[in-house]
C-alpha atoms as a PDB file:
ATOM      1  CA  MET A   1      -0.924  -7.168  11.231  1.00  0.00           C
ATOM      2  CA  ALA A   2      -1.592  -3.636   9.963  1.00  0.00           C
ATOM      3  CA  ASP A   3      -4.722  -2.097  11.472  1.00  0.00           C
ATOM      4  CA  GLY A   4      -6.612  -5.361  11.161  1.00  0.00           C
ATOM      5  CA  LEU A   5      -5.157  -6.398   7.802  1.00  0.00           C
ATOM      6  CA  PRO A   6      -2.697  -9.278   7.809  1.00  0.00           C
ATOM      7  CA  CYS A   7       0.799  -8.761   6.474  1.00  0.00           C
ATOM      8  CA  LYS A   8       1.058  -9.944   2.860  1.00  0.00           C
ATOM      9  CA  PHE A   9      -2.617  -9.017   2.385  1.00  0.00           C
ATOM     10  CA  ILE A  10      -2.315  -8.180  -1.324  1.00  0.00           C
ATOM     11  CA  LYS A  11      -0.534 -11.432  -2.161  1.00  0.00           C
ATOM     12  CA  THR A  12      -3.076 -13.377  -0.117  1.00  0.00           C
ATOM     13  CA  ILE A  13      -6.016 -12.052  -2.142  1.00  0.00           C
ATOM     14  CA  GLY A  14      -4.159 -12.434  -5.438  1.00  0.00           C
ATOM     15  CA  LEU A  15      -3.571  -8.820  -6.461  1.00  0.00           C
ATOM     16  CA  GLN A  16      -0.353  -7.485  -7.981  1.00  0.00           C
ATOM     17  CA  ILE A  17       1.603  -4.536  -6.566  1.00  0.00           C
ATOM     18  CA  VAL A  18       2.876  -2.280  -9.341  1.00  0.00           C
ATOM     19  CA  ASN A  19       4.816   0.220  -7.226  1.00  0.00           C
ATOM     20  CA  ALA A  20       5.978  -0.016  -3.570  1.00  0.00           C
ATOM     21  CA  ARG A  21       5.188  -2.887  -1.206  1.00  0.00           C
ATOM     22  CA  ASP A  22       2.507  -4.815   0.681  1.00  0.00           C
ATOM     23  CA  PHE A  23       1.978  -4.403   4.415  1.00  0.00           C
ATOM     24  CA  SER A  24       4.811  -6.153   6.223  1.00  0.00           C
ATOM     25  CA  GLY A  25       5.927  -6.795   9.780  1.00  0.00           C
ATOM     26  CA  SER A  26       9.500  -6.229   8.557  1.00  0.00           C
ATOM     27  CA  PHE A  27       8.967  -2.465   8.362  1.00  0.00           C
ATOM     28  CA  GLY A  28       7.619  -1.903  11.867  1.00  0.00           C
ATOM     29  CA  ASP A  29       4.485   0.161  12.263  1.00  0.00           C
ATOM     30  CA  ASN A  30       2.211   0.164   9.189  1.00  0.00           C
ATOM     31  CA  SER A  31      -0.489   2.239  10.905  1.00  0.00           C
ATOM     32  CA  GLY A  32       0.140   5.276   8.676  1.00  0.00           C
ATOM     33  CA  ALA A  33       0.491   3.268   5.487  1.00  0.00           C
ATOM     34  CA  ILE A  34      -2.100   2.911   2.748  1.00  0.00           C
ATOM     35  CA  ILE A  35      -2.383   0.865  -0.401  1.00  0.00           C
ATOM     36  CA  MET A  36      -3.573   2.949  -3.338  1.00  0.00           C
ATOM     37  CA  ASN A  37      -4.896   1.687  -6.657  1.00  0.00           C
ATOM     38  CA  GLU A  38      -3.785   3.112 -10.007  1.00  0.00           C
ATOM     39  CA  THR A  39      -7.076   4.964 -10.540  1.00  0.00           C
ATOM     40  CA  THR A  40      -6.592   6.929  -7.313  1.00  0.00           C
ATOM     41  CA  GLU A  41      -2.994   7.650  -8.300  1.00  0.00           C
ATOM     42  CA  LYS A  42      -4.205   9.120 -11.617  1.00  0.00           C
ATOM     43  CA  ILE A  43      -7.002  11.162  -9.992  1.00  0.00           C
ATOM     44  CA  LEU A  44      -4.506  12.689  -7.536  1.00  0.00           C
ATOM     45  CA  GLY A  45      -2.038  13.321 -10.347  1.00  0.00           C
ATOM     46  CA  TRP A  46       0.842  11.557  -8.610  1.00  0.00           C
ATOM     47  CA  PRO A  47       3.047   9.667 -11.066  1.00  0.00           C
ATOM     48  CA  ASN A  48       4.932   8.194  -8.084  1.00  0.00           C
ATOM     49  CA  PRO A  49       2.871   8.440  -4.863  1.00  0.00           C
ATOM     50  CA  VAL A  50       5.366   6.566  -2.660  1.00  0.00           C
ATOM     51  CA  GLY A  51       6.175   8.801   0.285  1.00  0.00           C
ATOM     52  CA  GLU A  52       3.377  11.316  -0.381  1.00  0.00           C
ATOM     53  CA  LYS A  53       1.091  12.325   2.479  1.00  0.00           C
ATOM     54  CA  ILE A  54      -2.674  12.371   2.172  1.00  0.00           C
END
């Protein structure tokens, strides 16, 4: 579970991940992780936001 969201949340609700990964118990603590949509990525001007800090 990641801050109240179950692991595999995106798959569970039927969305597709374009870049990166869903929340997962395999990666330890997800508390600092976010899932960003493509519109937010474009607004922030990040062609590859993986690893960026907000």
